[in-house]
Protein backbone atom coordinates (compact mmCIF):
# COMPACT_ATOMS: atom_id res chain seq x y z
CA MET A 1 -19.73 13.92 14.00
CA GLN A 2 -16.45 15.75 13.31
CA GLY A 3 -14.86 13.95 16.27
CA ASN A 4 -15.85 10.57 14.84
CA LEU A 5 -14.31 11.46 11.49
CA ILE A 6 -11.02 12.50 13.11
CA GLU A 7 -10.96 9.30 15.16
CA GLN A 8 -11.54 7.22 12.00
CA GLU A 9 -8.73 9.10 10.24
CA ALA A 10 -6.43 8.28 13.17
CA LYS A 11 -7.37 4.62 12.94
CA ASN A 12 -6.80 4.55 9.17
CA LEU A 13 -3.45 6.25 9.66
CA ILE A 14 -2.12 3.78 12.23
CA ILE A 15 -3.26 0.87 10.03
CA SER A 16 -1.37 2.47 7.17
CA TYR A 17 1.76 2.84 9.30
CA GLY A 18 1.39 -0.80 10.36
CA ARG A 19 1.41 -1.94 6.73
CA ALA A 20 4.55 0.06 5.96
CA ILE A 21 6.33 -1.22 9.08
CA GLY A 22 5.21 -4.82 8.58
CA VAL A 23 6.75 -5.07 5.13
CA LYS A 24 10.13 -4.37 6.73
CA GLY A 25 9.78 -7.59 8.71
CA TYR A 26 9.24 -6.16 12.19
CA TYR A 27 6.85 -7.82 14.65
CA LEU A 28 3.98 -5.54 15.60
CA THR A 29 0.77 -5.78 17.56
CA SER A 30 -2.69 -5.05 16.21
CA PRO A 31 -3.85 -1.42 16.62
CA GLU A 32 -5.29 -0.89 20.09
CA LYS A 33 -7.69 1.93 20.88
CA LYS A 34 -7.09 3.95 24.05
CA GLN A 35 -9.12 6.89 25.33
CA TYR A 36 -7.51 9.51 23.10
CA HIS A 37 -5.30 7.57 20.72
CA TYR A 38 -4.58 4.37 18.82
CA GLU A 39 -1.30 2.57 19.41
CA ILE A 40 0.82 -0.32 18.18
CA THR A 41 3.99 -1.84 19.62
CA ILE A 42 6.86 -2.68 17.26
CA LYS A 43 9.62 -5.10 18.22
CA ASP A 44 12.89 -6.39 16.84
CA LYS A 45 15.29 -8.89 18.47
CA SER A 46 16.60 -6.46 21.07
CA ASP A 47 14.24 -3.53 21.46
CA TYR A 48 10.70 -2.22 21.10
CA VAL A 49 8.97 1.10 20.52
CA LYS A 50 5.37 2.27 20.56
CA LEU A 51 3.68 4.25 17.82
CA LEU A 52 0.74 6.40 18.94
CA VAL A 53 -1.71 8.36 16.80
CA TYR A 54 -3.72 10.83 18.86
CA PHE A 55 -7.10 12.24 17.83
CA GLY A 56 -8.83 15.25 19.34
CA LYS A 57 -10.17 18.74 18.80
CA LYS A 58 -6.80 19.93 17.49
CA GLY A 59 -6.67 17.15 14.90
CA ILE A 60 -4.27 14.22 14.60
CA LYS A 61 -0.78 13.89 16.09
CA THR A 62 1.65 10.99 15.67
CA ILE A 63 4.26 10.16 18.34
CA ILE A 64 6.93 7.48 18.68
CA GLN A 65 7.73 6.34 22.23
CA GLY A 66 11.01 4.58 23.03
CA SER A 67 14.74 5.15 23.25
CA ALA A 68 15.62 7.76 20.64
CA ASN A 69 19.15 6.33 20.54
CA SER A 70 18.06 2.85 19.44
CA GLY A 71 18.34 1.61 15.88
CA LEU A 72 14.70 0.49 15.92
CA TYR A 73 13.51 3.98 16.92
CA SER A 74 15.53 5.48 14.07
CA GLU A 75 14.14 3.04 11.50
CA ILE A 76 10.51 3.53 12.58
CA ASN A 77 11.03 7.29 12.55
CA LYS A 78 12.23 7.07 8.93
CA ILE A 79 9.23 4.94 7.92
CA VAL A 80 6.67 7.20 9.62
CA PHE A 81 8.13 10.66 9.11
CA GLY A 82 10.66 10.06 6.32
CA GLU A 83 14.16 11.48 6.02
CA THR A 84 12.37 14.67 5.03
CA LEU A 85 8.65 14.87 4.45
CA PHE A 86 8.94 15.98 0.84
CA ASN A 87 12.26 16.19 -0.98
CA ILE A 88 12.16 19.41 -3.00
CA SER A 89 14.13 17.85 -5.85
CA GLU A 90 11.51 15.18 -6.37
CA THR A 91 8.40 17.34 -6.11
CA LEU A 92 6.65 18.51 -9.28
CA THR A 93 5.79 22.21 -9.23
CA ASP A 94 2.51 21.57 -11.04
CA GLU A 95 0.50 18.44 -11.70
CA PRO A 96 0.74 17.51 -15.41
CA GLU A 97 -2.36 18.19 -17.49
CA GLN A 98 -2.44 14.56 -18.61
CA TYR A 99 -0.41 11.63 -17.31
CA ILE A 100 -0.54 8.10 -15.91
CA GLY A 101 -0.29 7.48 -12.17
CA THR A 102 0.66 4.10 -10.66
CA ASP A 103 0.52 2.69 -7.16
CA GLU A 104 0.19 -0.65 -5.39
CA SER A 105 -1.65 -2.31 -2.51
CA GLY A 106 -0.82 -5.35 -0.40
CA LYS A 107 2.96 -4.94 -0.25
CA GLY A 108 2.98 -4.85 3.55
CA ASP A 109 0.22 -7.42 4.13
CA TYR A 110 1.12 -11.03 4.93
CA PHE A 111 -2.19 -12.35 3.60
CA GLY A 112 -3.44 -11.44 0.16
CA PRO A 113 -2.18 -10.49 -3.29
CA LEU A 114 0.05 -7.71 -4.47
CA VAL A 115 -2.05 -5.43 -6.67
CA ILE A 116 -0.53 -2.77 -8.92
CA CYS A 117 -2.76 -0.25 -10.68
CA GLY A 118 -2.26 2.47 -13.28
CA VAL A 119 -4.73 5.28 -14.01
CA TYR A 120 -4.67 7.77 -16.90
CA VAL A 121 -6.12 11.24 -16.27
CA ASN A 122 -6.38 14.48 -18.22
CA LYS A 123 -7.25 17.95 -16.96
CA ASP A 124 -11.01 17.24 -16.95
CA THR A 125 -10.98 13.80 -15.30
CA SER A 126 -8.38 14.91 -12.76
CA SER A 127 -10.60 17.81 -11.70
CA ARG A 128 -13.66 15.54 -11.45
CA LEU A 129 -11.73 12.98 -9.38
CA LYS A 130 -10.64 15.69 -6.96
CA SER A 131 -14.23 16.87 -6.65
CA ILE A 132 -15.41 13.45 -5.38
CA GLY A 133 -12.67 13.32 -2.73
CA VAL A 134 -10.06 11.10 -4.34
CA ARG A 135 -7.01 10.90 -2.08
CA ASP A 136 -4.51 8.36 -0.75
CA SER A 137 -6.31 5.06 -0.08
CA LYS A 138 -4.54 4.79 3.30
CA GLU A 139 -6.69 7.71 4.47
CA LEU A 140 -9.93 5.87 3.63
CA SER A 141 -11.75 2.97 5.25
CA ASP A 142 -12.32 -0.14 3.14
CA ILE A 143 -16.05 0.69 2.99
CA ALA A 144 -15.29 4.20 1.71
CA ILE A 145 -12.92 2.71 -0.86
CA ARG A 146 -15.67 0.45 -2.23
CA ASN A 147 -18.04 3.38 -2.62
CA ILE A 148 -15.58 5.76 -4.25
CA THR A 149 -14.23 3.06 -6.59
CA LEU A 150 -17.54 2.99 -8.45
CA ARG A 151 -17.45 6.75 -8.94
CA ILE A 152 -13.81 6.70 -10.09
CA LYS A 153 -14.61 4.12 -12.76
CA GLU A 154 -17.56 6.20 -13.97
CA ILE A 155 -15.21 9.17 -14.46
CA ILE A 156 -12.18 7.47 -16.01
CA ASP A 157 -14.11 4.83 -17.99
CA ASN A 158 -11.64 2.10 -18.99
CA ASN A 159 -8.53 4.26 -18.67
CA TYR A 160 -6.98 2.13 -15.95
CA ASP A 161 -5.16 -1.18 -15.71
CA LEU A 162 -4.59 -3.70 -12.92
CA VAL A 163 -1.95 -6.36 -12.35
CA VAL A 164 -2.96 -8.81 -9.62
CA LEU A 165 -0.32 -11.18 -8.25
CA ASN A 166 -2.13 -13.72 -6.10
CA PRO A 167 0.07 -15.22 -3.35
CA GLY A 168 1.00 -18.40 -5.27
CA LYS A 169 2.23 -16.39 -8.26
CA TYR A 170 3.85 -13.79 -6.02
CA ASN A 171 5.75 -16.46 -4.07
CA ALA A 172 7.01 -18.04 -7.29
CA LEU A 173 8.26 -14.66 -8.54
CA HIS A 174 9.90 -13.86 -5.21
CA GLU A 175 11.66 -17.23 -5.19
CA LYS A 176 12.94 -16.50 -8.68
CA THR A 177 13.99 -12.86 -8.15
CA GLY A 178 14.59 -12.72 -4.39
CA ASN A 179 13.63 -9.05 -4.49
CA VAL A 180 10.26 -7.39 -3.80
CA ASN A 181 11.30 -4.21 -5.63
CA LYS A 182 12.01 -6.16 -8.83
CA ILE A 183 8.49 -7.59 -8.65
CA LEU A 184 7.08 -4.09 -8.05
CA GLY A 185 9.14 -2.69 -10.91
CA TRP A 186 7.80 -5.34 -13.27
CA GLY A 187 4.20 -4.71 -12.12
CA HIS A 188 4.37 -0.93 -12.46
CA ALA A 189 5.99 -1.30 -15.88
CA ARG A 190 3.26 -3.72 -16.95
CA VAL A 191 0.35 -1.41 -16.13
CA LEU A 192 2.21 1.52 -17.69
CA SER A 193 2.77 -0.45 -20.90
CA ASN A 194 -0.86 -1.58 -21.06
CA LEU A 195 -2.11 2.01 -20.71
CA LEU A 196 0.45 3.42 -23.13
CA GLU A 197 -0.96 1.05 -25.75
CA LYS A 198 -4.27 2.96 -25.69
CA CYS A 199 -3.36 6.44 -24.39
CA GLU A 200 -1.16 8.87 -26.32
CA ILE A 201 0.83 10.17 -23.37
CA ASN A 202 4.49 10.63 -22.51
CA GLU A 203 4.44 11.40 -18.77
CA ALA A 204 3.81 9.27 -15.69
CA ILE A 205 4.07 9.49 -11.91
CA SER A 206 4.75 6.50 -9.68
CA ASP A 207 4.75 6.30 -5.90
CA LYS A 208 8.45 5.73 -5.12
CA PHE A 209 9.31 2.31 -3.68
CA GLY A 210 12.97 1.90 -4.62
CA ASP A 211 15.61 2.78 -7.20
CA ASP A 212 14.17 4.49 -10.29
CA LYS A 213 15.69 1.83 -12.54
CA TYR A 214 13.36 -0.94 -11.30
CA ILE A 215 10.48 0.34 -13.45
CA LEU A 216 12.52 1.70 -16.35
CA ASN A 217 14.47 -1.55 -16.75
CA SER A 218 11.20 -3.49 -16.99
CA LEU A 219 9.61 -1.25 -19.63
CA PRO A 220 9.67 -2.40 -23.27
CA GLU A 221 12.23 -0.49 -25.32
CA ARG A 222 9.63 1.59 -27.19
CA TRP A 223 8.32 3.09 -23.92
CA LYS A 224 11.67 3.84 -22.26
CA ASP A 225 11.63 7.49 -23.34
CA ILE A 226 8.59 8.23 -21.17
CA LYS A 227 9.07 11.04 -18.67
CA LEU A 228 8.67 9.05 -15.45
CA HIS A 229 8.59 10.78 -12.05
CA GLN A 230 9.04 8.43 -9.09
CA LEU A 231 8.06 10.46 -6.05
CA THR A 232 7.85 9.89 -2.31
CA LYS A 233 4.25 10.38 -1.20
CA GLY A 234 3.18 10.12 -4.84
CA GLU A 235 -0.46 9.92 -3.74
CA ARG A 236 -0.37 13.72 -3.59
CA TYR A 237 -1.12 13.51 -7.30
CA THR A 238 -4.65 12.66 -8.40
CA ALA A 239 -3.95 9.76 -10.76
CA VAL A 240 -1.65 8.05 -8.23
CA ALA A 241 -4.28 8.48 -5.50
CA ALA A 242 -6.96 7.03 -7.80
CA ALA A 243 -4.64 4.11 -8.61
CA SER A 244 -4.06 3.48 -4.92
CA ILE A 245 -7.84 3.29 -4.34
CA LEU A 246 -8.52 0.92 -7.25
CA ALA A 247 -5.63 -1.30 -6.18
CA ARG A 248 -6.86 -1.41 -2.59
CA ASN A 249 -10.40 -2.21 -3.73
CA ARG A 250 -9.19 -5.22 -5.75
CA PHE A 251 -7.07 -6.28 -2.76
CA CYS A 252 -10.19 -6.21 -0.54
CA ASP A 253 -12.15 -8.21 -3.14
CA TRP A 254 -9.64 -11.05 -2.74
CA PHE A 255 -10.29 -11.11 1.02
CA ASP A 256 -14.07 -11.27 0.49
CA VAL A 257 -13.69 -14.40 -1.66
CA GLN A 258 -11.22 -16.11 0.67
CA ASN A 259 -13.22 -15.32 3.82
CA LYS A 260 -16.28 -17.04 2.33
CA GLU A 261 -14.28 -20.10 1.29
CA LEU A 262 -12.49 -20.45 4.63
CA GLY A 263 -15.49 -19.68 6.81
CA PHE A 264 -13.64 -17.10 8.90
CA GLU A 265 -12.14 -13.66 8.38
CA LEU A 266 -8.49 -13.23 7.43
CA PRO A 267 -6.89 -10.18 9.08
CA LYS A 268 -5.12 -7.58 6.96
CA GLY A 269 -1.70 -6.12 7.70
CA ALA A 270 1.11 -7.80 9.65
CA SER A 271 0.34 -8.27 13.35
CA SER A 272 -0.11 -10.86 16.11
CA SER A 273 -3.65 -11.60 14.89
CA VAL A 274 -2.24 -12.29 11.42
CA GLU A 275 0.24 -14.75 12.92
CA GLU A 276 -2.53 -16.58 14.79
CA ALA A 277 -4.67 -16.84 11.65
CA ALA A 278 -1.72 -18.23 9.68
CA LYS A 279 -1.07 -20.87 12.35
CA LYS A 280 -4.74 -21.86 12.22
CA ILE A 281 -4.61 -22.31 8.44
CA LYS A 282 -1.36 -24.28 8.51
CA ASN A 283 -2.67 -26.63 11.20
CA LYS A 284 -6.06 -27.10 9.54
CA PHE A 285 -5.18 -27.16 5.83
CA GLY A 286 -1.42 -27.66 5.63
CA PHE A 287 1.49 -25.63 4.22
CA ASP A 288 0.36 -25.87 0.58
CA LYS A 289 -2.79 -23.93 1.45
CA LEU A 290 -0.69 -21.31 3.19
CA ASN A 291 1.25 -20.81 -0.05
CA GLU A 292 -2.04 -19.85 -1.73
CA LEU A 293 -2.85 -17.23 0.89
CA VAL A 294 0.32 -15.53 2.17
CA LYS A 295 3.59 -13.94 1.11
CA LEU A 296 5.99 -16.62 2.31
CA HIS A 297 9.12 -14.47 2.54
CA PHE A 298 7.72 -12.49 5.49
CA ARG A 299 9.31 -13.35 8.86
CA THR A 300 5.88 -14.46 10.01
CA THR A 301 6.37 -17.71 8.06
CA LEU A 302 9.42 -18.64 10.12
CA LYS A 303 7.47 -18.04 13.31
CA ILE A 304 4.64 -20.40 12.42
CA ILE A 305 6.68 -23.29 11.03
């Protein structure tokens, strides 16, 4: 049983890496299971590397295979392992007793919406969320996310907020701004503002996605004095982890609706199977339908048209 859990964690991890790599515009294959590991191949115009996540009795180990001197290897290494795992200057010594955590889902997926969520916790609800196993959504299967979402909502009641940008709206915003981080900044600021309207709180933690000013510049003037921590690996903190789960759950809900309407299953992430599904939709329903289902600025769009 333990072996199966470790294998599932390895699969979840490589899917998570695939999402983060895909948003950078690289071509990558779907995760492939080998005897003792999962692997994906990542390519740019001139090079390729393999990312392997091993599972076994000693736990999980992630390895990058390829020329360590190549630019692609360096970029994938930064995405997977970071410049440093945790920057001391941006790590809180203690988790605040009460605060709002924000995170998003769908940023690296070609199909589907961008969902941003904010969750308010205090000392009691944070402890209860930890007790039910709340952690980064990338470490959980979609089935596990559905189950734990119900329990999270029972604990936090209505102390959360969601902003859902379906592909059509997302594409319009991206055409206007030309910048994903500006869209993310607006979305994080929106859920923060909505929660600040009903929660007397002056501290928040956001999973870091870009310059700190993206969120602060989008906040209404009366909220700009909030103590906002934007941290790499922000899901270490309970409210951010809970937000990541609720965002992912809403993201998966969108797929359930679309799969029923289309009559076939849309793949998540950014891989060769995603490209094939997009071609199928364009050929069967036309480009306008594609605009309702995908994030058009991904390189995948150029490949299929």
